[in-house]
Amino acid sequence: MPDNGMTTETSPRRDRLVVGGLALLALTLHLVTNSQYGYHGDELYFMACGEHLDYGYVDHAPMIAVWAKLSRVLLGDSLFAIRLLPAVAGALTVWLTGAIARRLGGGAFAQGTCALAMVIAPAYLRVGNMLCIPGLELLWWTLASYLVVIILKEDRQRLWLLVGVVAGVGLMHKHSMLFWGFGLTAGLLLTRARRCFLKPWIWLGGAAALLIFLPNIVWQIRHDWPTLEFLRSINRSVMAGITPGQFLLGQVLYVHPINLPIWIAGLVFYSASQRGRPCRAFGWQYVVVLATLILIKSKIYYLDSIYPPLLAGGAVAIEGLFSRWRSIWPRRVTVGTMVATGIAIAPAGLPLFPLDDYARYVRALSFGQLDNIWEVAQDYYFMCGWQEQVQAAAEVYHALPEVDRRDCRLATPDYARAGAIDFFGPEYGLPRAISWHLSYRLWGYGDESGAVLLTVGVPPEMVGQFYGEVTVARRVRLKYCVPYVQDTPICVCRRPKMTLADVWQTIHGW
């Protein structure tokens, strides 16, 4: 029943059923769709990293490799197996978002609304559907935020130690957890919650996070900070062209346009309302992290993980507004609109169509204004074509004279093709791949002399710098794949001009 137009009393059991049901829906959506296409190029790379477990990698923190290895050991190599963990993580994040709303005083409508917002957001659908870093990053950010809400609402300062543990694990999963910590620290200092720094627990939590993260810091030092070099490289090439306007528009599209009023209401809830006052730090956290990512020109999706607390706070605010009205229709219209638009945009986050149909879908969704489907379907195309390339490479490899095969290595210019060879190659009797790309560069080129090199995807003119004889033995032409592998040359290279060690020194950078 309404209480002064601000709160709603509902059955805790009913609330949990609503949120649990939506979490189960998210899990079901992923489990029934996550085997639609093949292995994503990133998944192949992460599985390769799992075969080279270490405290760090060039382009990512170590935990994703651990998850890949555990999935393969415990569940096997199937698409369903390696994508089960992300699906479970996505469902847990839906549940945690509803739990944040409950801690903020929200009833069944608020909890269900923010949980539904998580289910329909294209960004969250996408990362829960494959083994990828952002999917598990989202879980750690949301879990840490849930604990902070409890601390700020109930003054349970000892929980800062647990927050530190979660943040440390999050850092070992993705370094962007630093943004969460930086933004929250700024938010605490800018609000009355700064009193937390007068007690030891938040400092102990920070120490716990640092201790857990320390092995990766040591690894970075020992390898001359390759991740920083990698980030500077992609900032110059990939992210330099992202304007602030594109970044802001991306927030609306990635989290779903219908969710915009909810998370904006969440900002207002934390920043200006009396009910949100104890957790005001979350409003400042968003502003600080948003400004930081725009300033450093980050990728658009780097901010995705910050929205669950905003969606929870916004849903509580909207529930308070609706509780002032006697009619049930505002709630029904809200939920109905979210469901309808969620269904309409679901193919942007889930692989529901044959690839041929995505162009028609994008044109229909944009009312004929957009023909380029890559922003919507690029991950799906990145799941296709890998095994075909490996099979073609195997045919070329086994056609070589035995004396050549004895000292032949397979080299690729990118981690995805190398990961594909390492994953599919044993089935075709291929040796492991070598590559100068990202962490493959650190793993080296083996003991072979490189007298014969079979390259997959390396332009002949490039490999001609290192070998006197380069023969294009096969070209693999594919329709369903990312553009850079649509025409893949497979070359047999002989008469080396330098050793593989010299090649590794010549091709520098990540």
Protein backbone atom coordinates (compact mmCIF):
# COMPACT_ATOMS: atom_id res chain seq x y z
CA MET A 1 0.00 0.00 0.00
CA PRO A 2 1.18 3.57 -0.63
CA ASP A 3 2.92 5.29 2.26
CA ASN A 4 2.96 9.11 1.94
CA GLY A 5 3.24 8.62 -1.79
CA MET A 6 6.83 7.48 -1.50
CA THR A 7 7.13 3.83 -0.55
CA THR A 8 5.35 0.65 -1.40
CA GLU A 9 4.92 -2.29 0.93
CA THR A 10 4.96 -5.62 -0.83
CA SER A 11 5.65 -9.18 0.06
CA PRO A 12 9.42 -9.90 0.13
CA ARG A 13 8.65 -13.35 -1.23
CA ARG A 14 6.73 -11.86 -4.15
CA ASP A 15 9.54 -9.37 -4.82
CA ARG A 16 12.11 -12.13 -4.97
CA LEU A 17 9.92 -14.21 -7.26
CA VAL A 18 9.61 -11.30 -9.70
CA VAL A 19 13.35 -10.62 -9.81
CA GLY A 20 14.27 -14.31 -9.74
CA GLY A 21 11.91 -14.97 -12.62
CA LEU A 22 13.51 -12.23 -14.72
CA ALA A 23 17.00 -13.53 -13.89
CA LEU A 24 15.86 -16.98 -14.97
CA LEU A 25 14.46 -15.46 -18.17
CA ALA A 26 17.84 -13.86 -18.92
CA LEU A 27 19.58 -17.19 -18.32
CA THR A 28 17.11 -19.04 -20.55
CA LEU A 29 17.49 -16.52 -23.39
CA HIS A 30 21.23 -17.07 -23.41
CA LEU A 31 21.13 -20.84 -23.10
CA VAL A 32 18.75 -21.25 -26.04
CA THR A 33 20.63 -18.86 -28.36
CA ASN A 34 24.31 -19.08 -27.49
CA SER A 35 25.09 -21.86 -29.96
CA GLN A 36 23.56 -20.15 -32.99
CA TYR A 37 26.89 -19.44 -34.72
CA GLY A 38 30.48 -20.58 -34.16
CA TYR A 39 33.26 -19.63 -31.77
CA HIS A 40 34.01 -15.93 -31.49
CA GLY A 41 37.57 -14.95 -32.37
CA ASP A 42 38.03 -13.59 -28.85
CA GLU A 43 36.84 -16.89 -27.35
CA LEU A 44 39.43 -18.78 -29.38
CA TYR A 45 42.09 -16.39 -28.08
CA PHE A 46 40.95 -16.70 -24.46
CA MET A 47 41.05 -20.49 -24.71
CA ALA A 48 44.60 -20.21 -26.04
CA CYS A 49 45.44 -17.95 -23.08
CA GLY A 50 44.00 -20.65 -20.84
CA GLU A 51 46.69 -22.98 -22.17
CA HIS A 52 49.33 -20.41 -21.13
CA LEU A 53 48.09 -19.48 -17.66
CA ASP A 54 49.98 -16.52 -16.24
CA TYR A 55 49.47 -13.50 -13.99
CA GLY A 56 48.97 -11.23 -16.98
CA TYR A 57 48.49 -10.88 -20.72
CA VAL A 58 49.26 -8.08 -23.12
CA ASP A 59 45.72 -6.87 -23.67
CA HIS A 60 43.79 -8.11 -20.66
CA ALA A 61 43.99 -9.18 -17.02
CA PRO A 62 44.42 -12.88 -16.20
CA MET A 63 41.02 -14.04 -14.89
CA ILE A 64 39.33 -14.52 -18.27
CA ALA A 65 41.97 -17.13 -19.15
CA VAL A 66 41.29 -18.90 -15.86
CA TRP A 67 37.55 -19.00 -16.60
CA ALA A 68 38.25 -20.35 -20.10
CA LYS A 69 40.48 -23.07 -18.71
CA LEU A 70 38.01 -24.05 -15.97
CA SER A 71 35.14 -24.20 -18.45
CA ARG A 72 37.09 -26.53 -20.71
CA VAL A 73 38.30 -28.76 -17.87
CA LEU A 74 34.94 -29.02 -16.11
CA LEU A 75 32.44 -28.80 -18.97
CA GLY A 76 34.26 -29.43 -22.24
CA ASP A 77 34.87 -27.45 -25.42
CA SER A 78 31.35 -27.03 -26.75
CA LEU A 79 29.90 -23.60 -27.40
CA PHE A 80 27.27 -24.24 -24.74
CA ALA A 81 29.97 -25.16 -22.22
CA ILE A 82 32.26 -22.16 -22.65
CA ARG A 83 29.29 -19.79 -22.77
CA LEU A 84 27.54 -21.18 -19.69
CA LEU A 85 29.53 -19.03 -17.24
CA PRO A 86 28.74 -15.72 -19.03
CA ALA A 87 25.06 -16.70 -19.12
CA VAL A 88 25.05 -17.40 -15.38
CA ALA A 89 26.95 -14.15 -14.74
CA GLY A 90 24.35 -12.25 -16.74
CA ALA A 91 21.49 -13.78 -14.75
CA LEU A 92 23.26 -12.98 -11.46
CA THR A 93 23.69 -9.37 -12.56
CA VAL A 94 19.95 -9.10 -13.26
CA TRP A 95 19.25 -10.47 -9.79
CA LEU A 96 21.76 -8.13 -8.13
CA THR A 97 20.25 -5.09 -9.85
CA GLY A 98 16.85 -5.99 -8.41
CA ALA A 99 18.52 -6.56 -5.03
CA ILE A 100 20.00 -3.04 -5.15
CA ALA A 101 16.51 -1.64 -5.73
CA ARG A 102 15.24 -3.64 -2.76
CA ARG A 103 18.01 -2.25 -0.54
CA LEU A 104 17.07 1.24 -1.69
CA GLY A 105 13.51 0.67 -0.48
CA GLY A 106 11.91 -0.34 -3.75
CA GLY A 107 8.99 -2.72 -3.94
CA ALA A 108 8.08 -5.36 -6.50
CA PHE A 109 7.52 -2.84 -9.30
CA ALA A 110 10.86 -1.10 -8.78
CA GLN A 111 12.76 -4.35 -8.47
CA GLY A 112 11.06 -5.87 -11.48
CA THR A 113 11.45 -2.74 -13.61
CA CYS A 114 15.20 -2.42 -13.14
CA ALA A 115 15.66 -6.18 -13.58
CA LEU A 116 13.62 -6.03 -16.80
CA ALA A 117 15.73 -3.07 -17.94
CA MET A 118 18.80 -5.27 -17.55
CA VAL A 119 17.19 -8.12 -19.49
CA ILE A 120 16.32 -5.98 -22.53
CA ALA A 121 19.52 -3.87 -22.76
CA PRO A 122 21.36 -4.88 -25.97
CA ALA A 123 24.78 -4.43 -24.37
CA TYR A 124 23.97 -6.83 -21.54
CA LEU A 125 22.33 -9.35 -23.84
CA ARG A 126 25.43 -9.38 -26.02
CA VAL A 127 28.03 -9.84 -23.26
CA GLY A 128 26.00 -12.57 -21.57
CA ASN A 129 25.90 -14.59 -24.77
CA MET A 130 29.59 -15.37 -25.23
CA LEU A 131 32.76 -15.72 -23.21
CA CYS A 132 34.01 -12.16 -23.06
CA ILE A 133 35.61 -9.80 -20.60
CA PRO A 134 32.78 -7.21 -20.33
CA GLY A 135 30.22 -9.81 -19.23
CA LEU A 136 32.08 -10.78 -16.09
CA GLU A 137 33.25 -7.19 -15.56
CA LEU A 138 29.57 -6.23 -15.31
CA LEU A 139 29.06 -8.78 -12.55
CA TRP A 140 31.96 -7.49 -10.41
CA TRP A 141 30.92 -3.84 -10.77
CA THR A 142 27.33 -4.66 -9.84
CA LEU A 143 28.26 -6.88 -6.90
CA ALA A 144 30.62 -4.22 -5.53
CA SER A 145 27.91 -1.56 -5.93
CA TYR A 146 25.38 -3.74 -4.13
CA LEU A 147 27.74 -4.06 -1.16
CA VAL A 148 28.36 -0.31 -1.13
CA VAL A 149 24.60 0.35 -1.03
CA ILE A 150 24.36 -1.84 2.08
CA ILE A 151 27.28 0.02 3.67
CA LEU A 152 25.87 3.46 2.96
CA LYS A 153 22.27 2.59 3.88
CA GLU A 154 23.00 0.52 6.98
CA ASP A 155 26.41 1.86 8.08
CA ARG A 156 27.97 -1.61 8.00
CA GLN A 157 31.53 -0.37 7.65
CA ARG A 158 33.14 -3.80 7.99
CA LEU A 159 31.75 -4.69 4.57
CA TRP A 160 34.40 -2.43 3.00
CA LEU A 161 36.78 -5.35 3.42
CA LEU A 162 34.51 -7.51 1.25
CA VAL A 163 34.16 -4.67 -1.26
CA GLY A 164 37.96 -4.65 -1.48
CA VAL A 165 38.04 -8.37 -2.19
CA VAL A 166 35.42 -8.01 -4.93
CA ALA A 167 37.27 -5.02 -6.41
CA GLY A 168 40.55 -6.95 -6.35
CA VAL A 169 39.01 -9.89 -8.18
CA GLY A 170 37.40 -7.42 -10.57
CA LEU A 171 40.80 -5.86 -11.28
CA MET A 172 42.22 -9.29 -12.02
CA HIS A 173 39.39 -9.68 -14.48
CA LYS A 174 39.59 -6.25 -16.14
CA HIS A 175 41.69 -3.25 -15.27
CA SER A 176 38.73 -0.93 -15.80
CA MET A 177 37.64 -1.76 -12.24
CA LEU A 178 40.01 1.11 -11.47
CA PHE A 179 37.43 3.47 -12.97
CA TRP A 180 34.76 2.09 -10.64
CA GLY A 181 37.02 2.64 -7.64
CA PHE A 182 38.17 6.09 -8.78
CA GLY A 183 34.62 7.27 -9.42
CA LEU A 184 33.31 5.88 -6.13
CA THR A 185 36.16 7.43 -4.16
CA ALA A 186 35.41 10.82 -5.72
CA GLY A 187 31.71 10.34 -4.96
CA LEU A 188 32.38 9.49 -1.32
CA LEU A 189 34.67 12.49 -0.86
CA LEU A 190 32.11 14.83 -2.42
CA THR A 191 29.28 13.71 -0.10
CA ARG A 192 28.68 13.14 3.58
CA ALA A 193 29.80 9.56 3.07
CA ARG A 194 33.38 10.91 3.31
CA ARG A 195 33.15 9.94 6.98
CA CYS A 196 33.87 6.38 5.81
CA PHE A 197 37.52 7.42 5.44
CA LEU A 198 37.71 8.17 9.17
CA LYS A 199 37.38 4.46 9.95
CA PRO A 200 39.87 1.70 9.13
CA TRP A 201 37.62 -0.60 7.12
CA ILE A 202 37.65 1.24 3.81
CA TRP A 203 41.45 1.43 3.99
CA LEU A 204 41.65 -2.27 4.75
CA GLY A 205 39.39 -2.92 1.78
CA GLY A 206 41.70 -0.90 -0.45
CA ALA A 207 44.67 -2.87 0.87
CA ALA A 208 42.86 -6.16 0.13
CA ALA A 209 42.17 -5.04 -3.44
CA LEU A 210 45.81 -4.06 -3.91
CA LEU A 211 47.05 -7.36 -2.48
CA ILE A 212 44.85 -9.40 -4.84
CA PHE A 213 45.87 -7.24 -7.80
CA LEU A 214 49.58 -7.26 -6.92
CA PRO A 215 50.56 -10.33 -9.01
CA ASN A 216 49.37 -8.59 -12.17
CA ILE A 217 51.25 -5.42 -11.26
CA VAL A 218 54.44 -7.46 -10.79
CA TRP A 219 53.82 -9.18 -14.14
CA GLN A 220 53.39 -5.80 -15.85
CA ILE A 221 56.66 -4.53 -14.35
CA ARG A 222 58.54 -7.66 -15.42
CA HIS A 223 57.24 -7.32 -18.99
CA ASP A 224 57.75 -3.52 -19.28
CA TRP A 225 54.07 -2.61 -18.92
CA PRO A 226 52.79 -4.10 -22.20
CA THR A 227 49.14 -3.36 -21.36
CA LEU A 228 49.84 0.37 -21.17
CA GLU A 229 51.59 0.22 -24.54
CA PHE A 230 48.65 -1.71 -25.98
CA LEU A 231 46.14 0.82 -24.61
CA ARG A 232 48.11 3.74 -26.03
CA SER A 233 48.14 1.98 -29.39
CA ILE A 234 44.39 1.37 -29.60
CA ASN A 235 43.74 4.88 -28.27
CA ARG A 236 45.64 6.29 -31.24
CA SER A 237 44.05 3.98 -33.80
CA VAL A 238 40.62 2.75 -32.71
CA MET A 239 39.35 5.24 -30.15
CA ALA A 240 40.74 8.54 -31.42
CA GLY A 241 37.82 8.92 -33.82
CA ILE A 242 35.11 8.60 -31.14
CA THR A 243 33.61 12.05 -30.46
CA PRO A 244 31.90 12.99 -27.16
CA GLY A 245 28.59 13.11 -29.02
CA GLN A 246 29.06 9.59 -30.36
CA PHE A 247 30.05 8.39 -26.91
CA LEU A 248 26.90 9.84 -25.33
CA LEU A 249 24.65 8.55 -28.12
CA GLY A 250 26.22 5.14 -27.69
CA GLN A 251 25.15 5.09 -24.04
CA VAL A 252 21.55 5.53 -25.08
CA LEU A 253 21.67 2.87 -27.77
CA TYR A 254 23.75 0.26 -25.95
CA VAL A 255 21.68 0.34 -22.75
CA HIS A 256 18.43 0.59 -24.81
CA PRO A 257 16.68 3.91 -25.57
CA ILE A 258 13.64 2.94 -23.49
CA ASN A 259 15.93 2.65 -20.45
CA LEU A 260 17.13 6.24 -20.81
CA PRO A 261 14.36 7.76 -18.63
CA ILE A 262 15.05 5.11 -15.98
CA TRP A 263 18.76 5.74 -15.54
CA ILE A 264 18.29 9.50 -15.86
CA ALA A 265 15.75 9.18 -13.06
CA GLY A 266 18.42 7.22 -11.20
CA LEU A 267 20.85 10.12 -11.52
CA VAL A 268 18.21 12.47 -10.15
CA PHE A 269 17.34 9.98 -7.40
CA TYR A 270 20.92 9.83 -6.13
CA SER A 271 21.73 13.49 -6.72
CA ALA A 272 18.65 15.35 -5.56
CA SER A 273 16.13 13.18 -3.71
CA GLN A 274 15.92 12.68 0.03
CA ARG A 275 15.53 8.91 -0.37
CA GLY A 276 18.70 8.66 -2.44
CA ARG A 277 20.73 10.91 -0.17
CA PRO A 278 22.62 8.14 1.70
CA CYS A 279 23.86 6.80 -1.65
CA ARG A 280 24.54 10.16 -3.30
CA ALA A 281 28.06 8.96 -4.11
CA PHE A 282 26.65 6.90 -7.00
CA GLY A 283 25.48 10.04 -8.79
CA TRP A 284 28.95 11.57 -8.56
CA GLN A 285 30.53 8.26 -9.52
CA TYR A 286 28.67 8.26 -12.82
CA VAL A 287 29.56 11.87 -13.61
CA VAL A 288 33.24 11.36 -12.77
CA VAL A 289 33.64 8.10 -14.70
CA LEU A 290 31.69 9.46 -17.70
CA ALA A 291 33.88 12.57 -17.83
CA THR A 292 37.05 10.49 -17.44
CA LEU A 293 36.17 8.09 -20.26
CA ILE A 294 35.22 10.93 -22.60
CA LEU A 295 38.48 12.71 -21.76
CA ILE A 296 40.65 9.67 -22.51
CA LYS A 297 38.54 8.80 -25.58
CA SER A 298 37.59 5.30 -24.48
CA LYS A 299 35.46 2.83 -26.35
CA ILE A 300 31.75 3.44 -25.97
CA TYR A 301 30.99 0.18 -24.18
CA TYR A 302 33.54 0.82 -21.41
CA LEU A 303 30.83 2.64 -19.44
CA ASP A 304 28.23 -0.13 -19.72
CA SER A 305 28.98 -1.67 -16.34
CA ILE A 306 28.10 1.47 -14.37
CA TYR A 307 24.37 1.47 -15.13
CA PRO A 308 22.84 -1.21 -12.85
CA PRO A 309 22.80 1.05 -9.72
CA LEU A 310 21.36 3.89 -11.81
CA LEU A 311 18.64 1.65 -13.21
CA ALA A 312 17.83 0.45 -9.69
CA GLY A 313 17.66 3.97 -8.28
CA GLY A 314 15.62 5.20 -11.22
CA ALA A 315 13.13 2.35 -10.85
CA VAL A 316 12.69 3.22 -7.16
CA ALA A 317 12.08 6.87 -8.06
CA ILE A 318 9.54 5.96 -10.75
CA GLU A 319 7.76 3.59 -8.37
CA GLY A 320 7.51 6.43 -5.85
CA LEU A 321 6.02 8.69 -8.53
CA PHE A 322 3.50 6.08 -9.70
CA SER A 323 2.44 5.28 -6.13
CA ARG A 324 0.90 8.75 -5.89
CA TRP A 325 -1.65 7.78 -8.53
CA ARG A 326 -4.53 5.46 -7.94
CA SER A 327 -4.43 4.02 -11.44
CA ILE A 328 -2.45 0.89 -12.21
CA TRP A 329 -2.14 1.85 -15.88
CA PRO A 330 1.12 3.83 -15.70
CA ARG A 331 2.84 0.70 -14.42
CA ARG A 332 1.24 -1.51 -17.04
CA VAL A 333 2.13 0.88 -19.85
CA THR A 334 5.72 1.11 -18.60
CA VAL A 335 6.20 -2.63 -18.42
CA GLY A 336 4.37 -3.24 -21.70
CA THR A 337 6.46 -0.66 -23.54
CA MET A 338 9.68 -2.12 -22.14
CA VAL A 339 8.69 -5.63 -23.17
CA ALA A 340 7.61 -4.59 -26.68
CA THR A 341 10.69 -2.51 -27.42
CA GLY A 342 12.89 -5.13 -25.80
CA ILE A 343 11.56 -7.75 -28.21
CA ALA A 344 12.03 -5.38 -31.16
CA ILE A 345 15.68 -4.66 -30.34
CA ALA A 346 16.57 -8.13 -29.01
CA PRO A 347 18.34 -9.18 -32.25
CA ALA A 348 20.87 -6.41 -31.60
CA GLY A 349 21.97 -8.35 -28.52
CA LEU A 350 21.10 -11.97 -29.30
CA PRO A 351 21.93 -14.06 -32.40
CA LEU A 352 18.34 -14.70 -33.43
CA PHE A 353 18.57 -14.47 -37.24
CA PRO A 354 20.52 -16.09 -40.03
CA LEU A 355 23.27 -13.63 -40.97
CA ASP A 356 21.63 -12.87 -44.32
CA ASP A 357 18.64 -11.42 -42.48
CA TYR A 358 20.56 -8.92 -40.33
CA ALA A 359 20.87 -6.37 -43.12
CA ARG A 360 17.08 -6.36 -43.53
CA TYR A 361 16.64 -6.13 -39.78
CA VAL A 362 18.98 -3.14 -39.46
CA ARG A 363 17.27 -1.33 -42.31
CA ALA A 364 13.83 -1.98 -40.78
CA LEU A 365 14.98 -0.94 -37.31
CA SER A 366 16.41 2.34 -38.66
CA PHE A 367 13.44 2.95 -41.01
CA GLY A 368 15.72 2.57 -44.00
CA GLN A 369 18.30 5.09 -42.81
CA LEU A 370 21.11 2.64 -42.01
CA ASP A 371 22.63 0.08 -44.35
CA ASN A 372 25.85 -0.68 -42.47
CA ILE A 373 25.13 -3.68 -40.28
CA TRP A 374 28.57 -4.02 -38.67
CA GLU A 375 27.78 -2.06 -35.52
CA VAL A 376 24.86 -4.41 -34.83
CA ALA A 377 26.18 -7.72 -36.13
CA GLN A 378 29.99 -7.48 -36.07
CA ASP A 379 30.28 -9.93 -33.15
CA TYR A 380 28.17 -12.44 -35.05
CA TYR A 381 30.39 -12.21 -38.13
CA PHE A 382 33.41 -12.59 -35.84
CA MET A 383 31.97 -16.03 -34.96
CA CYS A 384 32.22 -17.33 -38.51
CA GLY A 385 34.90 -18.54 -40.90
CA TRP A 386 37.60 -19.72 -38.51
CA GLN A 387 37.32 -23.47 -39.03
CA GLU A 388 37.17 -23.06 -42.80
CA GLN A 389 40.52 -21.25 -42.74
CA VAL A 390 42.08 -23.93 -40.53
CA GLN A 391 40.80 -26.69 -42.81
CA ALA A 392 42.28 -24.97 -45.86
CA ALA A 393 45.59 -24.46 -44.06
CA ALA A 394 45.64 -28.15 -43.16
CA GLU A 395 45.20 -29.15 -46.80
CA VAL A 396 48.15 -26.98 -47.80
CA TYR A 397 50.24 -28.23 -44.86
CA HIS A 398 49.67 -31.92 -45.60
CA ALA A 399 50.44 -31.37 -49.28
CA LEU A 400 53.99 -30.27 -48.35
CA PRO A 401 56.86 -32.76 -48.67
CA GLU A 402 57.54 -34.55 -45.43
CA VAL A 403 60.91 -32.87 -45.05
CA ASP A 404 59.22 -29.47 -45.15
CA ARG A 405 56.49 -30.42 -42.68
CA ARG A 406 59.14 -31.53 -40.19
CA ASP A 407 60.32 -27.95 -39.65
CA CYS A 408 57.22 -26.04 -40.70
CA ARG A 409 55.46 -23.52 -38.46
CA LEU A 410 52.06 -21.95 -39.01
CA ALA A 411 52.08 -18.18 -38.53
CA THR A 412 49.23 -15.68 -38.45
CA PRO A 413 49.08 -11.88 -38.14
CA ASP A 414 46.31 -11.88 -35.54
CA TYR A 415 45.27 -13.63 -32.35
CA ALA A 416 41.94 -14.91 -33.71
CA ARG A 417 43.41 -16.99 -36.54
CA ALA A 418 46.17 -18.24 -34.22
CA GLY A 419 43.56 -19.22 -31.63
CA ALA A 420 41.55 -20.98 -34.34
CA ILE A 421 44.58 -23.03 -35.41
CA ASP A 422 45.34 -23.97 -31.82
CA PHE A 423 41.73 -24.97 -31.16
CA PHE A 424 40.74 -26.70 -34.42
CA GLY A 425 44.24 -27.65 -35.56
CA PRO A 426 44.69 -30.91 -33.61
CA GLU A 427 41.67 -32.32 -35.44
CA TYR A 428 43.52 -31.71 -38.72
CA GLY A 429 46.96 -32.77 -37.52
CA LEU A 430 48.40 -29.26 -37.42
CA PRO A 431 51.16 -27.96 -35.14
CA ARG A 432 50.45 -25.03 -32.85
CA ALA A 433 50.34 -21.55 -34.31
CA ILE A 434 52.79 -18.73 -33.79
CA SER A 435 51.94 -15.05 -34.10
CA TRP A 436 53.49 -11.69 -33.31
CA HIS A 437 50.12 -10.33 -32.19
CA LEU A 438 49.29 -9.51 -28.53
CA SER A 439 50.06 -12.30 -26.03
CA TYR A 440 51.03 -14.71 -28.80
CA ARG A 441 54.10 -12.53 -29.26
CA LEU A 442 55.16 -13.25 -25.69
CA TRP A 443 54.71 -17.00 -26.18
CA GLY A 444 57.34 -16.91 -28.89
CA TYR A 445 58.05 -19.00 -31.96
CA GLY A 446 59.34 -22.30 -30.58
CA ASP A 447 62.61 -24.06 -31.29
CA GLU A 448 62.23 -24.48 -35.03
CA SER A 449 64.49 -22.56 -37.40
CA GLY A 450 61.64 -21.29 -39.53
CA ALA A 451 63.16 -22.70 -42.70
CA VAL A 452 59.60 -23.28 -43.92
CA LEU A 453 56.76 -21.06 -42.81
CA LEU A 454 53.11 -21.53 -43.68
CA THR A 455 51.29 -18.24 -43.17
CA VAL A 456 47.54 -17.84 -42.81
CA GLY A 457 46.26 -14.33 -43.49
CA VAL A 458 49.65 -12.62 -43.81
CA PRO A 459 49.84 -10.47 -46.98
CA PRO A 460 52.42 -11.99 -49.37
CA GLU A 461 54.21 -8.65 -49.75
CA MET A 462 54.68 -8.47 -45.98
CA VAL A 463 56.11 -11.95 -45.55
CA GLY A 464 58.27 -11.28 -48.61
CA GLN A 465 60.37 -9.00 -46.41
CA PHE A 466 61.52 -12.06 -44.48
CA TYR A 467 61.54 -14.89 -47.06
CA GLY A 468 63.07 -15.09 -50.51
CA GLU A 469 60.43 -17.47 -51.86
CA VAL A 470 56.75 -16.84 -51.14
CA THR A 471 54.09 -18.93 -52.88
CA VAL A 472 50.37 -18.25 -52.47
CA ALA A 473 49.15 -21.83 -52.21
CA ARG A 474 45.48 -21.06 -51.52
CA ARG A 475 43.09 -18.19 -51.07
CA VAL A 476 40.15 -18.73 -48.77
CA ARG A 477 37.26 -16.51 -49.77
CA LEU A 478 34.43 -16.28 -47.26
CA LYS A 479 31.17 -14.38 -47.17
CA TYR A 480 30.16 -14.80 -43.55
CA CYS A 481 33.05 -13.35 -41.58
CA VAL A 482 34.56 -10.01 -40.59
CA PRO A 483 35.90 -8.05 -43.57
CA TYR A 484 39.60 -8.54 -42.91
CA VAL A 485 39.33 -12.33 -43.30
CA GLN A 486 37.04 -12.42 -46.32
CA ASP A 487 40.04 -12.98 -48.59
CA THR A 488 42.66 -14.97 -46.66
CA PRO A 489 45.90 -15.91 -48.45
CA ILE A 490 47.70 -19.06 -47.34
CA CYS A 491 51.37 -18.84 -48.28
CA VAL A 492 54.24 -21.30 -48.23
CA CYS A 493 57.46 -19.44 -47.48
CA ARG A 494 60.99 -20.74 -48.02
CA ARG A 495 64.56 -19.37 -48.15
CA PRO A 496 64.41 -17.22 -45.01
CA LYS A 497 66.29 -13.93 -45.09
CA MET A 498 66.50 -13.86 -41.30
CA THR A 499 65.74 -16.04 -38.31
CA LEU A 500 62.38 -16.06 -36.56
CA ALA A 501 64.07 -14.32 -33.64
CA ASP A 502 64.96 -11.46 -35.99
CA VAL A 503 61.41 -11.42 -37.37
CA TRP A 504 60.06 -11.04 -33.83
CA GLN A 505 62.39 -8.08 -33.26
CA THR A 506 61.49 -6.49 -36.60
CA ILE A 507 57.72 -6.66 -36.10
CA HIS A 508 57.42 -4.75 -32.86
CA GLY A 509 54.34 -3.55 -31.02
CA TRP A 510 51.18 -5.18 -29.85
